[in-house]
């Protein structure tokens, strides 16, 4: 695509998506010229295509910048820094975004989030083309249909960017990738560009927070709400109140928090934040299999959920009642030890027990799922007793955070190639142990291949199905109480202490 044509299409795209107004067209051209380090522009003759391919337009302008020496390295990190700067030129200022969001929210929270989610994609902050490359499927298990995704949308750093980052002076700005200081930040080789990023302020339980979407959406309208202050994550009474207040304000969304301890927590424990969105996970569909009544809380429906992890579900019309009961459960769990069940509140002064909470609306009622977590390690399980065990690491070795807890496996990009290779070898009968791509999966594949008549046409579907069953086992490993009669008895013993 010729340079002038690419500029013309990019400005037309911004007009069509409402990022700029017709009166801003010439300003937008000149702002792009400054970003591209050009001093002239000749508009092409004719109309822009009906469907403008934004990634192709940005690629054309980035290629041209590299050819002219404006872009120093033609690699994914440097290209992302550059094309985000181009989109930042066309992204409305924060005040405009906040005004539109709040005006729509006055009509309905759903209208506000519908607009904001589309806006976050139109600015290319959420890169639709990369999200589309993610491999996704559902797997039937005894716990319902689990979601599985091989995430390919998060770019890997290239060696030159890694080397350049090593030579940068230490920086505490922005303090982390969640902080509000990211809004409009130009980025650097060790921190993503965010000129096209806009956050909207919300108040949760009387305190100032912000709402945004994840740039690597794992599910529909995958949002993040984060504390205005860079303060560590903490699961406490106030956390439960904030979660329930959020779903009170945005009843079409669920919201949850990662746990606040290493191993069982998420990747960013230094900044208090929640994740939510407009998606119904298998966990939300799972029924209560063992009802339980807490003394003094007869107005709260409660029980153990049929789920591979250890989940207490609380449902009531009054969110304050859920906060009170959840706080009592958390307090009891923090200090609970049952050596026979290998539950230790602490060892050598290190705390182990915490909770992963998830809130949602159930009609007019409020619902809170409390997932019991424990991060103790042993010589046999150095990464965690209640963590995927070593025999499952060929599929999932990383922490089991909020998203996995709810039933969505986020698997590493390597598995796209590796699982395809496993399928090919199962169909052809080749030796799985002879290929580095498949050797780690060989024992697993040998165990299930006898269940099927495997052909070239069905091999990959079978491998994906079995991967989903491994994920169910991963969640069972992460459950503090085994799904056995003994495990259930121990679970009920704990609940009886509340």
Protein backbone atom coordinates (compact mmCIF):
# COMPACT_ATOMS: atom_id res chain seq x y z
CA UNK A 1 0.00 0.00 0.00
CA UNK A 2 1.39 3.39 -1.02
CA UNK A 3 2.17 5.84 1.82
CA UNK A 4 -0.40 8.54 0.96
CA UNK A 5 -3.08 5.90 0.48
CA UNK A 6 -2.29 4.41 3.89
CA UNK A 7 -2.54 7.83 5.59
CA UNK A 8 -5.83 8.50 3.78
CA UNK A 9 -7.27 5.13 4.84
CA UNK A 10 -6.15 5.57 8.45
CA UNK A 11 -7.81 8.99 8.71
CA UNK A 12 -10.94 7.62 7.02
CA UNK A 13 -10.99 4.72 9.51
CA UNK A 14 -10.80 7.21 12.39
CA UNK A 15 -13.72 9.18 10.92
CA UNK A 16 -15.87 6.09 10.40
CA UNK A 17 -15.28 4.76 13.91
CA UNK A 18 -15.90 8.15 15.53
CA UNK A 19 -12.38 8.51 16.89
CA UNK A 20 -12.24 11.92 15.19
CA UNK A 21 -14.94 14.26 13.91
CA UNK A 22 -15.13 15.61 10.32
CA UNK A 23 -13.88 19.02 11.52
CA UNK A 24 -10.70 17.31 12.77
CA UNK A 25 -9.73 15.62 9.49
CA UNK A 26 -6.96 18.03 8.42
CA UNK A 27 -5.65 18.23 11.98
CA UNK A 28 -5.48 14.43 12.07
CA UNK A 29 -3.52 14.30 8.81
CA UNK A 30 -1.01 16.83 10.10
CA UNK A 31 -0.67 15.09 13.45
CA UNK A 32 0.07 11.81 11.64
CA UNK A 33 2.62 13.55 9.41
CA UNK A 34 4.43 14.78 12.51
CA UNK A 35 4.42 11.29 13.99
CA UNK A 36 5.68 9.83 10.70
CA UNK A 37 8.29 12.61 10.34
CA UNK A 38 6.89 13.69 6.99
CA UNK A 39 6.34 17.26 5.79
CA UNK A 40 3.88 16.75 2.93
CA UNK A 41 0.87 14.71 1.88
CA UNK A 42 -1.06 14.29 -1.37
CA UNK A 43 -4.57 12.88 -0.89
CA UNK A 44 -5.25 10.01 -3.29
CA UNK A 45 -8.05 10.24 -5.82
CA UNK A 46 -11.21 8.24 -5.12
CA UNK A 47 -12.88 6.70 -2.09
CA UNK A 48 -11.42 4.56 0.62
CA UNK A 49 -12.48 0.89 0.53
CA UNK A 50 -15.72 -0.02 2.28
CA UNK A 51 -13.86 -2.26 4.75
CA UNK A 52 -10.57 -0.76 5.83
CA UNK A 53 -8.04 -3.35 7.02
CA UNK A 54 -6.52 -1.46 9.98
CA UNK A 55 -3.61 -3.89 10.63
CA UNK A 56 -2.65 -3.75 6.94
CA UNK A 57 -2.73 0.06 6.96
CA UNK A 58 -0.58 0.25 10.11
CA UNK A 59 1.82 -2.34 8.68
CA UNK A 60 2.21 -0.27 5.51
CA UNK A 61 3.01 2.91 7.43
CA UNK A 62 5.37 1.06 9.79
CA UNK A 63 7.18 -0.60 6.86
CA UNK A 64 7.56 2.79 5.19
CA UNK A 65 8.91 4.31 8.42
CA UNK A 66 11.51 1.55 8.68
CA UNK A 67 12.57 2.01 5.06
CA UNK A 68 13.06 5.76 5.70
CA UNK A 69 15.04 5.15 8.90
CA UNK A 70 12.35 6.59 11.17
CA UNK A 71 11.86 3.17 12.83
CA UNK A 72 15.21 1.90 14.11
CA UNK A 73 14.38 -1.83 14.32
CA UNK A 74 11.92 -3.84 12.25
CA UNK A 75 10.83 -6.18 15.07
CA UNK A 76 7.57 -6.80 16.90
CA UNK A 77 8.43 -4.71 19.99
CA UNK A 78 9.60 -1.69 18.00
CA UNK A 79 6.74 -1.98 15.51
CA UNK A 80 4.22 -2.09 18.35
CA UNK A 81 5.73 1.00 19.94
CA UNK A 82 5.53 2.81 16.60
CA UNK A 83 2.03 1.88 15.41
CA UNK A 84 0.59 2.49 18.88
CA UNK A 85 1.95 6.03 18.58
CA UNK A 86 0.09 6.41 15.30
CA UNK A 87 -3.18 5.30 16.87
CA UNK A 88 -2.54 7.55 19.86
CA UNK A 89 -2.67 10.54 17.54
CA UNK A 90 -6.23 9.59 16.61
CA UNK A 91 -7.48 8.56 20.07
CA UNK A 92 -9.77 11.10 21.80
CA UNK A 93 -8.49 12.81 24.93
CA UNK A 94 -9.38 11.28 28.32
CA UNK A 95 -11.97 13.95 29.14
CA UNK A 96 -13.90 13.14 25.96
CA UNK A 97 -13.86 9.42 26.70
CA UNK A 98 -14.97 9.91 30.30
CA UNK A 99 -17.77 12.28 29.25
CA UNK A 100 -19.13 9.79 26.70
CA UNK A 101 -18.90 6.84 29.12
CA UNK A 102 -20.65 8.71 31.93
CA UNK A 103 -23.36 10.06 29.64
CA UNK A 104 -24.13 6.56 28.38
CA UNK A 105 -23.93 5.13 31.88
CA UNK A 106 -26.64 7.55 32.95
CA UNK A 107 -28.84 5.79 30.39
CA UNK A 108 -27.69 2.27 31.35
CA UNK A 109 -24.44 0.59 32.51
CA UNK A 110 -24.77 -1.84 29.60
CA UNK A 111 -24.79 0.94 26.99
CA UNK A 112 -21.68 2.43 28.59
CA UNK A 113 -19.69 -0.78 28.55
CA UNK A 114 -20.89 -1.71 25.04
CA UNK A 115 -19.52 1.58 23.75
CA UNK A 116 -16.32 1.44 25.80
CA UNK A 117 -15.48 -2.10 24.68
CA UNK A 118 -15.95 -1.21 21.01
CA UNK A 119 -13.93 1.96 21.51
CA UNK A 120 -11.06 -0.04 23.06
CA UNK A 121 -11.00 -2.23 19.94
CA UNK A 122 -11.40 0.66 17.47
CA UNK A 123 -8.31 2.36 18.91
CA UNK A 124 -6.37 -0.90 18.40
CA UNK A 125 -5.64 -1.03 22.13
CA UNK A 126 -7.33 -4.43 21.89
CA UNK A 127 -5.78 -5.80 18.71
CA UNK A 128 -8.62 -7.71 17.07
CA UNK A 129 -6.33 -9.34 14.51
CA UNK A 130 -4.15 -10.91 17.21
CA UNK A 131 -7.04 -12.03 19.39
CA UNK A 132 -8.46 -13.82 16.33
CA UNK A 133 -5.30 -15.96 16.19
CA UNK A 134 -5.93 -17.48 19.63
CA UNK A 135 -6.88 -21.16 19.49
CA UNK A 136 -10.08 -21.77 21.48
CA UNK A 137 -12.29 -24.76 22.13
CA UNK A 138 -14.63 -26.26 24.73
CA UNK A 139 -14.12 -29.58 26.46
CA UNK A 140 -16.87 -31.73 27.95
CA UNK A 141 -16.03 -32.84 31.49
CA UNK A 142 -17.94 -34.04 34.53
CA UNK A 143 -17.91 -30.39 35.66
CA UNK A 144 -19.52 -29.07 32.48
CA UNK A 145 -17.99 -27.52 29.40
CA UNK A 146 -14.60 -26.08 30.28
CA UNK A 147 -13.07 -23.40 28.06
CA UNK A 148 -9.57 -23.89 26.70
CA UNK A 149 -7.48 -21.28 24.91
CA UNK A 150 -3.95 -21.27 23.59
CA UNK A 151 -3.10 -17.61 23.86
CA UNK A 152 -1.20 -16.22 20.89
CA UNK A 153 -2.17 -12.53 21.12
CA UNK A 154 0.51 -11.44 23.59
CA UNK A 155 3.67 -10.79 21.54
CA UNK A 156 6.93 -12.32 22.63
CA UNK A 157 9.91 -10.02 22.97
CA UNK A 158 12.66 -10.32 20.37
CA UNK A 159 16.35 -10.67 21.30
CA UNK A 160 17.26 -7.11 20.28
CA UNK A 161 14.51 -5.65 22.45
CA UNK A 162 15.60 -7.81 25.38
CA UNK A 163 19.19 -6.62 24.94
CA UNK A 164 18.09 -2.99 24.68
CA UNK A 165 15.95 -3.31 27.79
CA UNK A 166 18.93 -4.65 29.72
CA UNK A 167 20.80 -1.41 29.01
CA UNK A 168 17.98 0.88 30.13
CA UNK A 169 18.26 2.59 33.52
CA UNK A 170 15.88 1.27 36.17
CA UNK A 171 12.54 3.07 36.03
CA UNK A 172 9.67 3.24 38.48
CA UNK A 173 7.38 5.01 36.00
CA UNK A 174 4.78 3.76 35.46
CA UNK A 175 5.09 1.76 38.69
CA UNK A 176 3.39 -1.25 37.05
CA UNK A 177 1.37 -2.05 33.95
CA UNK A 178 -1.89 -1.46 35.82
CA UNK A 179 -1.18 2.03 37.15
CA UNK A 180 -3.16 4.96 35.74
CA UNK A 181 0.16 6.50 34.59
CA UNK A 182 0.02 4.08 31.63
CA UNK A 183 -2.74 6.15 30.02
CA UNK A 184 -1.13 7.84 27.02
CA UNK A 185 2.39 6.59 27.89
CA UNK A 186 4.69 6.24 24.87
CA UNK A 187 6.29 3.06 26.17
CA UNK A 188 9.81 1.72 25.83
CA UNK A 189 11.32 -1.62 24.87
CA UNK A 190 10.57 -3.06 28.33
CA UNK A 191 7.15 -1.43 28.75
CA UNK A 192 4.30 -1.40 26.23
CA UNK A 193 3.16 1.78 24.51
CA UNK A 194 -0.23 3.01 25.68
CA UNK A 195 -0.93 6.22 23.72
CA UNK A 196 -4.24 4.67 22.59
CA UNK A 197 -5.20 3.58 26.12
CA UNK A 198 -7.99 5.31 28.03
CA UNK A 199 -9.33 4.47 31.49
CA UNK A 200 -12.60 5.60 33.06
CA UNK A 201 -13.00 6.48 36.75
CA UNK A 202 -15.48 4.55 38.89
CA UNK A 203 -16.19 4.55 42.61
CA UNK A 204 -16.21 1.19 44.36
CA UNK A 205 -17.36 0.98 47.94
CA UNK A 206 -16.61 4.67 48.40
CA UNK A 207 -13.04 4.55 47.06
CA UNK A 208 -11.64 5.78 43.71
CA UNK A 209 -10.91 3.07 41.14
CA UNK A 210 -10.56 2.89 37.35
CA UNK A 211 -12.08 0.62 34.73
CA UNK A 212 -10.38 -0.59 31.56
CA UNK A 213 -10.30 -3.66 29.33
CA UNK A 214 -7.52 -6.19 29.10
CA UNK A 215 -5.53 -5.75 25.87
CA UNK A 216 -5.30 -9.57 25.67
CA UNK A 217 -8.98 -10.39 26.12
CA UNK A 218 -9.36 -14.03 27.16
CA UNK A 219 -13.18 -13.88 27.05
CA UNK A 220 -15.95 -11.47 26.05
CA UNK A 221 -15.54 -7.96 27.49
CA UNK A 222 -12.64 -9.02 29.70
CA UNK A 223 -12.34 -5.96 31.93
CA UNK A 224 -9.96 -4.94 34.68
CA UNK A 225 -10.87 -2.56 37.48
CA UNK A 226 -7.97 -1.30 39.54
CA UNK A 227 -7.34 0.83 42.58
CA UNK A 228 -6.25 4.39 41.87
CA UNK A 229 -3.47 3.86 44.39
CA UNK A 230 -0.60 1.45 43.74
CA UNK A 231 -1.36 -0.69 46.75
CA UNK A 232 -0.91 -4.47 47.19
CA UNK A 233 -3.76 -6.87 46.61
CA UNK A 234 -5.51 -7.98 49.76
CA UNK A 235 -8.40 -10.36 50.28
CA UNK A 236 -10.40 -8.98 53.21
CA UNK A 237 -13.84 -7.81 54.23
CA UNK A 238 -13.47 -4.64 52.14
CA UNK A 239 -12.58 -6.73 49.08
CA UNK A 240 -15.87 -8.63 49.33
CA UNK A 241 -17.77 -5.36 49.70
CA UNK A 242 -16.03 -3.90 46.61
CA UNK A 243 -16.79 -6.94 44.47
CA UNK A 244 -20.46 -6.89 45.40
CA UNK A 245 -20.68 -3.13 44.92
CA UNK A 246 -19.21 -3.51 41.43
CA UNK A 247 -21.83 -6.06 40.32
CA UNK A 248 -24.46 -3.85 41.91
CA UNK A 249 -23.37 -1.06 39.56
CA UNK A 250 -22.69 -3.31 36.55
CA UNK A 251 -25.16 -6.20 36.98
CA UNK A 252 -24.44 -7.59 33.51
CA UNK A 253 -20.81 -8.29 34.49
CA UNK A 254 -19.22 -10.75 36.91
CA UNK A 255 -16.12 -9.67 38.82
CA UNK A 256 -13.50 -11.56 40.81
CA UNK A 257 -10.14 -11.17 42.48
CA UNK A 258 -7.03 -13.25 42.32
CA UNK A 259 -5.84 -14.55 45.67
CA UNK A 260 -3.34 -12.44 47.58
CA UNK A 261 -0.56 -14.99 48.09
CA UNK A 262 2.16 -16.22 45.70
CA UNK A 263 1.61 -19.46 43.74
CA UNK A 264 -2.18 -19.29 44.14
CA UNK A 265 -2.40 -15.63 43.12
CA UNK A 266 -2.23 -13.87 39.80
CA UNK A 267 0.75 -12.30 38.07
CA UNK A 268 0.39 -8.79 39.55
CA UNK A 269 0.08 -8.90 43.33
CA UNK A 270 1.57 -5.43 43.88
CA UNK A 271 -1.47 -3.50 42.58
CA UNK A 272 -4.97 -4.13 43.92
CA UNK A 273 -7.23 -5.04 41.01
CA UNK A 274 -10.14 -7.20 39.92
CA UNK A 275 -11.03 -8.89 36.64
CA UNK A 276 -14.53 -9.16 35.28
CA UNK A 277 -16.54 -9.19 32.11
CA UNK A 278 -19.57 -10.33 30.25
CA UNK A 279 -19.13 -14.07 30.13
CA UNK A 280 -20.67 -17.05 31.87
CA UNK A 281 -17.99 -19.53 32.88
CA UNK A 282 -18.58 -23.20 33.59
CA UNK A 283 -18.10 -22.49 37.29
CA UNK A 284 -21.07 -20.09 37.31
CA UNK A 285 -23.21 -22.83 35.72
CA UNK A 286 -22.07 -25.48 38.21
CA UNK A 287 -24.75 -26.38 40.78
CA UNK A 288 -24.52 -26.49 44.55
CA UNK A 289 -24.19 -30.21 45.28
CA UNK A 290 -24.12 -30.05 49.11
CA UNK A 291 -26.34 -27.36 50.69
CA UNK A 292 -25.11 -25.99 54.00
CA UNK A 293 -26.74 -23.62 56.47
CA UNK A 294 -24.52 -21.32 58.52
CA UNK A 295 -25.94 -20.61 62.00
CA UNK A 296 -27.31 -17.07 62.17
CA UNK A 297 -27.33 -16.81 58.37
CA UNK A 298 -30.44 -18.79 57.54
CA UNK A 299 -31.35 -16.04 55.05
CA UNK A 300 -28.26 -16.89 52.97
CA UNK A 301 -28.41 -19.85 50.61
CA UNK A 302 -25.08 -21.64 50.90
CA UNK A 303 -23.35 -24.84 49.96
CA UNK A 304 -20.44 -26.63 48.33
CA UNK A 305 -20.35 -26.29 44.54
CA UNK A 306 -19.88 -29.26 42.22
CA UNK A 307 -16.50 -28.10 40.99
CA UNK A 308 -12.98 -29.56 40.88
CA UNK A 309 -11.74 -26.87 43.27
CA UNK A 310 -13.12 -26.30 46.77
CA UNK A 311 -15.86 -23.68 46.41
CA UNK A 312 -18.39 -22.31 48.89
CA UNK A 313 -21.28 -20.46 47.21
CA UNK A 314 -23.30 -17.81 49.06
CA UNK A 315 -26.48 -16.25 47.63
CA UNK A 316 -28.70 -13.58 49.19
CA UNK A 317 -30.74 -10.50 48.32
CA UNK A 318 -28.77 -8.31 50.73
CA UNK A 319 -25.09 -7.93 49.79
CA UNK A 320 -24.24 -6.80 53.33
CA UNK A 321 -25.20 -10.24 54.61
CA UNK A 322 -22.80 -11.86 52.11
CA UNK A 323 -20.00 -9.53 53.18
CA UNK A 324 -20.55 -10.46 56.84
CA UNK A 325 -20.62 -14.20 56.23
CA UNK A 326 -17.74 -14.16 53.72
CA UNK A 327 -15.61 -12.25 56.22
CA UNK A 328 -16.31 -14.88 58.88
CA UNK A 329 -15.39 -17.69 56.46
CA UNK A 330 -12.18 -15.90 55.43
CA UNK A 331 -11.18 -15.23 59.04
CA UNK A 332 -11.76 -18.85 59.96
CA UNK A 333 -9.89 -20.13 56.89
CA UNK A 334 -6.87 -17.87 57.44
CA UNK A 335 -6.26 -19.56 60.79
CA UNK A 336 -7.48 -23.07 59.99
CA UNK A 337 -5.23 -26.12 60.27
CA UNK A 338 -6.27 -29.75 59.72
CA UNK A 339 -3.15 -31.88 59.60
CA UNK A 340 -5.09 -35.01 58.62
CA UNK A 341 -6.28 -33.18 55.47
CA UNK A 342 -2.84 -31.59 54.95
CA UNK A 343 -4.21 -28.09 55.53
CA UNK A 344 -1.77 -25.82 57.35
CA UNK A 345 -2.62 -22.19 58.09
CA UNK A 346 1.10 -21.39 58.31
CA UNK A 347 4.52 -22.97 58.52
CA UNK A 348 7.55 -21.17 59.95
CA UNK A 349 5.50 -17.99 60.15
CA UNK A 350 4.54 -18.03 56.46
CA UNK A 351 0.76 -17.87 55.89
CA UNK A 352 -0.75 -20.35 53.42
CA UNK A 353 -4.54 -19.99 53.46
CA UNK A 354 -6.45 -17.44 51.40
CA UNK A 355 -9.49 -17.20 49.12
CA UNK A 356 -10.19 -16.45 45.46
CA UNK A 357 -13.59 -14.66 45.47
CA UNK A 358 -15.97 -14.18 42.51
CA UNK A 359 -19.16 -12.09 42.57
CA UNK A 360 -22.14 -12.00 40.20
CA UNK A 361 -25.82 -11.19 40.13
CA UNK A 362 -28.36 -13.99 40.04
CA UNK A 363 -31.53 -12.17 39.06
CA UNK A 364 -32.21 -9.76 41.94
CA UNK A 365 -29.90 -11.72 44.24
CA UNK A 366 -26.20 -11.29 44.82
CA UNK A 367 -23.94 -14.33 44.62
CA UNK A 368 -20.43 -14.81 45.96
CA UNK A 369 -18.23 -17.84 45.27
CA UNK A 370 -15.38 -18.34 47.74
CA UNK A 371 -12.66 -20.64 46.41
CA UNK A 372 -10.45 -21.93 49.22
CA UNK A 373 -6.74 -21.73 48.38
CA UNK A 374 -3.53 -22.91 50.05
CA UNK A 375 0.00 -22.33 48.73
CA UNK A 376 2.04 -24.75 50.85
CA UNK A 377 4.98 -26.47 49.13
CA UNK A 378 6.83 -29.70 49.86
CA UNK A 379 9.93 -31.44 48.51
CA UNK A 380 7.64 -33.64 46.40
CA UNK A 381 5.68 -30.62 45.13
CA UNK A 382 8.08 -27.65 45.19
CA UNK A 383 5.73 -25.51 43.06
CA UNK A 384 2.79 -26.15 45.38
CA UNK A 385 0.82 -29.07 46.78
CA UNK A 386 -2.42 -27.46 45.55
CA UNK A 387 -0.99 -26.62 42.14
CA UNK A 388 -0.81 -28.75 38.98
CA UNK A 389 1.50 -31.64 39.80
CA UNK A 390 4.56 -32.48 37.75
CA UNK A 391 2.83 -35.09 35.55
CA UNK A 392 0.57 -32.31 34.17
CA UNK A 393 3.29 -29.72 33.54
CA UNK A 394 3.59 -30.75 29.89
CA UNK A 395 0.21 -29.02 29.49
CA UNK A 396 -0.03 -26.54 32.38
CA UNK A 397 2.75 -25.51 34.77
CA UNK A 398 1.81 -21.89 35.45
CA UNK A 399 -0.14 -20.53 38.43
CA UNK A 400 -3.86 -21.25 38.64
CA UNK A 401 -5.29 -17.76 38.88
CA UNK A 402 -8.80 -16.35 38.79
CA UNK A 403 -9.51 -17.10 35.12
CA UNK A 404 -8.46 -20.75 35.39
CA UNK A 405 -10.33 -21.12 38.68
CA UNK A 406 -13.56 -20.24 36.87
CA UNK A 407 -12.97 -22.85 34.16
CA UNK A 408 -10.94 -21.23 31.38
CA UNK A 409 -7.53 -22.74 30.70
CA UNK A 410 -5.02 -20.18 29.45
CA UNK A 411 -2.35 -22.39 27.90
CA UNK A 412 1.10 -21.35 26.63
CA UNK A 413 1.63 -20.60 22.95
CA UNK A 414 4.06 -23.54 22.56
CA UNK A 415 1.11 -25.94 22.72
CA UNK A 416 -0.31 -24.89 19.35
CA UNK A 417 2.64 -26.52 17.59
CA UNK A 418 3.19 -29.30 20.11
CA UNK A 419 -0.42 -30.56 20.21
CA UNK A 420 -0.63 -30.47 16.41
CA UNK A 421 2.54 -32.59 16.28
CA UNK A 422 1.08 -35.05 18.81
CA UNK A 423 -2.03 -35.38 16.65
CA UNK A 424 0.04 -35.98 13.51
CA UNK A 425 2.09 -38.72 15.17
CA UNK A 426 -0.96 -40.41 16.67
CA UNK A 427 -2.57 -40.50 13.22
CA UNK A 428 0.58 -41.79 11.51
CA UNK A 429 1.70 -44.15 14.29
CA UNK A 430 5.13 -42.49 14.52
CA UNK A 431 7.20 -42.62 17.71
CA UNK A 432 6.19 -39.73 20.01
CA UNK A 433 9.35 -40.02 22.10
CA UNK A 434 11.65 -39.47 19.12
CA UNK A 435 10.57 -35.87 18.46
CA UNK A 436 11.44 -33.05 20.91
CA UNK A 437 8.08 -31.46 20.10
CA UNK A 438 6.14 -34.47 21.34
CA UNK A 439 8.44 -36.28 23.77
CA UNK A 440 7.04 -34.51 26.86
CA UNK A 441 3.51 -35.52 25.79
CA UNK A 442 4.34 -39.12 24.88
CA UNK A 443 3.27 -40.87 28.08
CA UNK A 444 0.00 -38.93 28.21
CA UNK A 445 -0.82 -39.70 24.57
CA UNK A 446 -0.03 -43.39 25.02
CA UNK A 447 -2.48 -43.53 27.92
CA UNK A 448 -5.46 -42.22 25.97
CA UNK A 449 -4.87 -43.35 22.39
CA UNK A 450 -6.39 -46.79 23.02
CA UNK A 451 -9.78 -45.18 23.74
CA UNK A 452 -10.18 -44.01 20.13
CA UNK A 453 -9.93 -45.00 16.50
CA UNK A 454 -7.61 -42.20 15.52
CA UNK A 455 -7.46 -40.92 11.94
CA UNK A 456 -5.86 -37.91 10.30
CA UNK A 457 -9.29 -36.25 10.30
CA UNK A 458 -10.11 -36.65 13.99
CA UNK A 459 -6.67 -36.74 15.65
CA UNK A 460 -6.46 -33.05 16.59
CA UNK A 461 -10.02 -32.98 17.96
CA UNK A 462 -9.16 -35.98 20.15
CA UNK A 463 -5.97 -34.33 21.40
CA UNK A 464 -7.91 -31.15 22.20
CA UNK A 465 -10.59 -33.14 24.02
CA UNK A 466 -7.97 -34.91 26.13
CA UNK A 467 -6.24 -31.58 26.82
CA UNK A 468 -9.51 -30.34 28.30
CA UNK A 469 -9.63 -33.40 30.56
CA UNK A 470 -6.07 -32.63 31.70
CA UNK A 471 -7.25 -29.14 32.61
CA UNK A 472 -10.03 -30.62 34.74
CA UNK A 473 -7.34 -32.64 36.51
CA UNK A 474 -5.24 -29.47 36.92
CA UNK A 475 -8.16 -27.86 38.76
CA UNK A 476 -8.62 -30.96 40.92
CA UNK A 477 -4.97 -30.71 41.94
CA UNK A 478 -5.56 -27.05 42.87
CA UNK A 479 -8.53 -27.97 45.08
CA UNK A 480 -7.61 -28.07 48.78
CA UNK A 481 -10.20 -30.79 49.49
CA UNK A 482 -10.16 -33.88 47.29
CA UNK A 483 -13.43 -34.86 45.67
CA UNK A 484 -13.64 -38.05 47.71
CA UNK A 485 -15.84 -39.02 50.69
CA UNK A 486 -12.90 -38.24 52.97
CA UNK A 487 -12.30 -34.89 51.28
CA UNK A 488 -15.96 -33.93 51.56
CA UNK A 489 -16.01 -34.88 55.23
CA UNK A 490 -12.96 -32.68 55.86
CA UNK A 491 -14.55 -29.82 53.88
CA UNK A 492 -17.74 -30.02 55.96
CA UNK A 493 -15.63 -30.19 59.12
CA UNK A 494 -14.14 -26.79 58.22
CA UNK A 495 -17.53 -25.27 57.39
CA UNK A 496 -18.78 -26.49 60.75
CA UNK A 497 -16.25 -24.25 62.49
CA UNK A 498 -17.75 -21.02 61.11
